[in-house]
Amino acid sequence: MGIRDIIEGKKQWRAHVARIKNLPPDYQIVYHEIQRYVFKVGPVDLLDGPLLTELVDFFEEGVAAGKGVLQITGPDVAAFVDGLLQDIPTYADVYQESLTKKKHGL
């Protein structure tokens, strides 16, 4: 990764953060809680994947439709996030696979 890639990555992240700051306060709170959880769980392609950008897109659509954040995520935000991550490999999955391989001598 070159210096230009780092600079471009920072520009993209700043633009992403600016979009979040334009959301209503309830959306911002839920976004930051989701982000904290996602960073902890660690999808393997989090930084290269579209998950967080698509989440902001989804939230902006909810705002445009005049809906509250819990109207679009449902009352159980954790279940909503688990649904988002359902088909995305995480570092926890990779670790579990390595344990399984060790257990079976592979």
C-alpha atoms as a PDB file:
ATOM      1  CA  MET A   1       0.000   0.000   0.000  1.00  0.00           C
ATOM      2  CA  GLY A   2       1.513   3.267  -1.134  1.00  0.00           C
ATOM      3  CA  ILE A   3       1.182   6.735   0.302  1.00  0.00           C
ATOM      4  CA  ARG A   4      -1.406   7.645  -2.330  1.00  0.00           C
ATOM      5  CA  ASP A   5      -3.561   4.699  -1.279  1.00  0.00           C
ATOM      6  CA  ILE A   6      -3.363   5.812   2.342  1.00  0.00           C
ATOM      7  CA  ILE A   7      -4.309   9.376   1.451  1.00  0.00           C
ATOM      8  CA  GLU A   8      -7.202   8.209  -0.720  1.00  0.00           C
ATOM      9  CA  GLY A   9      -8.385   5.907   2.053  1.00  0.00           C
ATOM     10  CA  LYS A  10      -8.373   8.800   4.515  1.00  0.00           C
ATOM     11  CA  LYS A  11     -10.356  10.974   2.097  1.00  0.00           C
ATOM     12  CA  GLN A  12     -12.945   8.236   1.665  1.00  0.00           C
ATOM     13  CA  TRP A  13     -13.201   7.698   5.425  1.00  0.00           C
ATOM     14  CA  ARG A  14     -13.639  11.440   6.067  1.00  0.00           C
ATOM     15  CA  ALA A  15     -16.417  11.571   3.461  1.00  0.00           C
ATOM     16  CA  HIS A  16     -18.040   8.563   5.141  1.00  0.00           C
ATOM     17  CA  VAL A  17     -17.861  10.235   8.568  1.00  0.00           C
ATOM     18  CA  ALA A  18     -19.345  13.437   7.104  1.00  0.00           C
ATOM     19  CA  ARG A  19     -22.327  11.445   5.815  1.00  0.00           C
ATOM     20  CA  ILE A  20     -22.859   9.989   9.283  1.00  0.00           C
ATOM     21  CA  LYS A  21     -22.752  13.457  10.853  1.00  0.00           C
ATOM     22  CA  ASN A  22     -25.544  14.535   8.497  1.00  0.00           C
ATOM     23  CA  LEU A  23     -27.859  11.844   9.862  1.00  0.00           C
ATOM     24  CA  PRO A  24     -30.358  12.664  12.649  1.00  0.00           C
ATOM     25  CA  PRO A  25     -29.066  12.011  16.190  1.00  0.00           C
ATOM     26  CA  ASP A  26     -30.979   8.737  16.687  1.00  0.00           C
ATOM     27  CA  TYR A  27     -29.518   7.349  13.462  1.00  0.00           C
ATOM     28  CA  GLN A  28     -26.027   8.441  14.509  1.00  0.00           C
ATOM     29  CA  ILE A  29     -26.326   6.677  17.850  1.00  0.00           C
ATOM     30  CA  VAL A  30     -27.487   3.428  16.266  1.00  0.00           C
ATOM     31  CA  TYR A  31     -24.846   3.666  13.526  1.00  0.00           C
ATOM     32  CA  HIS A  32     -22.048   4.093  16.080  1.00  0.00           C
ATOM     33  CA  GLU A  33     -23.305   1.142  18.141  1.00  0.00           C
ATOM     34  CA  ILE A  34     -23.466  -1.008  15.018  1.00  0.00           C
ATOM     35  CA  GLN A  35     -20.000   0.166  13.971  1.00  0.00           C
ATOM     36  CA  ARG A  36     -18.576  -0.665  17.407  1.00  0.00           C
ATOM     37  CA  TYR A  37     -20.068  -4.167  17.235  1.00  0.00           C
ATOM     38  CA  VAL A  38     -18.910  -4.742  13.659  1.00  0.00           C
ATOM     39  CA  PHE A  39     -15.368  -3.619  14.504  1.00  0.00           C
ATOM     40  CA  LYS A  40     -15.356  -6.020  17.445  1.00  0.00           C
ATOM     41  CA  VAL A  41     -16.670  -8.990  15.447  1.00  0.00           C
ATOM     42  CA  GLY A  42     -14.335  -8.151  12.599  1.00  0.00           C
ATOM     43  CA  PRO A  43     -15.637  -9.090   9.169  1.00  0.00           C
ATOM     44  CA  VAL A  44     -12.594 -10.133   7.175  1.00  0.00           C
ATOM     45  CA  ASP A  45     -13.289  -7.659   4.354  1.00  0.00           C
ATOM     46  CA  LEU A  46     -14.587  -4.808   6.516  1.00  0.00           C
ATOM     47  CA  LEU A  47     -12.245  -2.153   5.186  1.00  0.00           C
ATOM     48  CA  ASP A  48     -12.455  -3.285   1.565  1.00  0.00           C
ATOM     49  CA  GLY A  49     -16.101  -4.327   1.630  1.00  0.00           C
ATOM     50  CA  PRO A  50     -19.236  -2.254   1.189  1.00  0.00           C
ATOM     51  CA  LEU A  51     -20.906  -3.041   4.540  1.00  0.00           C
ATOM     52  CA  LEU A  52     -20.546   0.311   6.316  1.00  0.00           C
ATOM     53  CA  THR A  53     -21.165   2.364   3.170  1.00  0.00           C
ATOM     54  CA  GLU A  54     -24.299   0.376   2.391  1.00  0.00           C
ATOM     55  CA  LEU A  55     -25.455   0.827   5.982  1.00  0.00           C
ATOM     56  CA  VAL A  56     -25.174   4.613   5.642  1.00  0.00           C
ATOM     57  CA  ASP A  57     -27.014   4.411   2.293  1.00  0.00           C
ATOM     58  CA  PHE A  58     -29.780   2.434   4.004  1.00  0.00           C
ATOM     59  CA  PHE A  59     -29.979   4.936   6.856  1.00  0.00           C
ATOM     60  CA  GLU A  60     -30.107   7.891   4.439  1.00  0.00           C
ATOM     61  CA  GLU A  61     -33.002   6.210   2.626  1.00  0.00           C
ATOM     62  CA  GLY A  62     -34.794   5.798   5.965  1.00  0.00           C
ATOM     63  CA  VAL A  63     -34.303   9.477   6.758  1.00  0.00           C
ATOM     64  CA  ALA A  64     -35.558  10.467   3.296  1.00  0.00           C
ATOM     65  CA  ALA A  65     -38.654   8.314   3.857  1.00  0.00           C
ATOM     66  CA  GLY A  66     -39.287  10.068   7.171  1.00  0.00           C
ATOM     67  CA  LYS A  67     -38.810   6.927   9.249  1.00  0.00           C
ATOM     68  CA  GLY A  68     -37.197   6.614  12.654  1.00  0.00           C
ATOM     69  CA  VAL A  69     -34.105   4.447  12.838  1.00  0.00           C
ATOM     70  CA  LEU A  70     -35.852   1.659  14.773  1.00  0.00           C
ATOM     71  CA  GLN A  71     -38.551   1.546  12.111  1.00  0.00           C
ATOM     72  CA  ILE A  72     -35.955   0.425   9.588  1.00  0.00           C
ATOM     73  CA  THR A  73     -33.733  -1.728  11.813  1.00  0.00           C
ATOM     74  CA  GLY A  74     -36.499  -3.142  13.962  1.00  0.00           C
ATOM     75  CA  PRO A  75     -36.495  -2.925  17.762  1.00  0.00           C
ATOM     76  CA  ASP A  76     -33.724  -5.532  18.120  1.00  0.00           C
ATOM     77  CA  VAL A  77     -30.726  -3.789  16.582  1.00  0.00           C
ATOM     78  CA  ALA A  78     -28.421  -6.680  17.524  1.00  0.00           C
ATOM     79  CA  ALA A  79     -30.552  -9.091  15.493  1.00  0.00           C
ATOM     80  CA  PHE A  80     -30.482  -6.611  12.596  1.00  0.00           C
ATOM     81  CA  VAL A  81     -26.667  -6.530  12.684  1.00  0.00           C
ATOM     82  CA  ASP A  82     -26.416 -10.297  12.991  1.00  0.00           C
ATOM     83  CA  GLY A  83     -28.576 -10.494   9.877  1.00  0.00           C
ATOM     84  CA  LEU A  84     -26.204  -8.150   8.052  1.00  0.00           C
ATOM     85  CA  LEU A  85     -23.207 -10.257   9.034  1.00  0.00           C
ATOM     86  CA  GLN A  86     -24.905 -13.585   8.411  1.00  0.00           C
ATOM     87  CA  ASP A  87     -23.133 -14.385   5.149  1.00  0.00           C
ATOM     88  CA  ILE A  88     -19.964 -12.363   5.713  1.00  0.00           C
ATOM     89  CA  PRO A  89     -16.904 -14.280   6.959  1.00  0.00           C
ATOM     90  CA  THR A  90     -15.532 -12.836  10.199  1.00  0.00           C
ATOM     91  CA  TYR A  91     -12.237 -13.257  12.011  1.00  0.00           C
ATOM     92  CA  ALA A  92     -14.181 -15.270  14.590  1.00  0.00           C
ATOM     93  CA  ASP A  93     -15.174 -17.671  11.782  1.00  0.00           C
ATOM     94  CA  VAL A  94     -11.566 -17.952  10.634  1.00  0.00           C
ATOM     95  CA  TYR A  95     -10.442 -18.648  14.197  1.00  0.00           C
ATOM     96  CA  GLN A  96     -13.181 -21.260  14.681  1.00  0.00           C
ATOM     97  CA  GLU A  97     -12.126 -22.983  11.457  1.00  0.00           C
ATOM     98  CA  SER A  98      -8.512 -23.106  12.628  1.00  0.00           C
ATOM     99  CA  LEU A  99      -9.603 -24.689  15.926  1.00  0.00           C
ATOM    100  CA  THR A 100     -11.700 -27.247  14.081  1.00  0.00           C
ATOM    101  CA  LYS A 101      -8.769 -28.125  11.805  1.00  0.00           C
ATOM    102  CA  LYS A 102      -6.453 -28.535  14.793  1.00  0.00           C
ATOM    103  CA  LYS A 103      -9.004 -30.695  16.579  1.00  0.00           C
ATOM    104  CA  HIS A 104      -9.336 -32.996  13.558  1.00  0.00           C
ATOM    105  CA  GLY A 105      -5.606 -32.991  12.804  1.00  0.00           C
ATOM    106  CA  LEU A 106      -5.944 -31.298   9.447  1.00  0.00           C
END
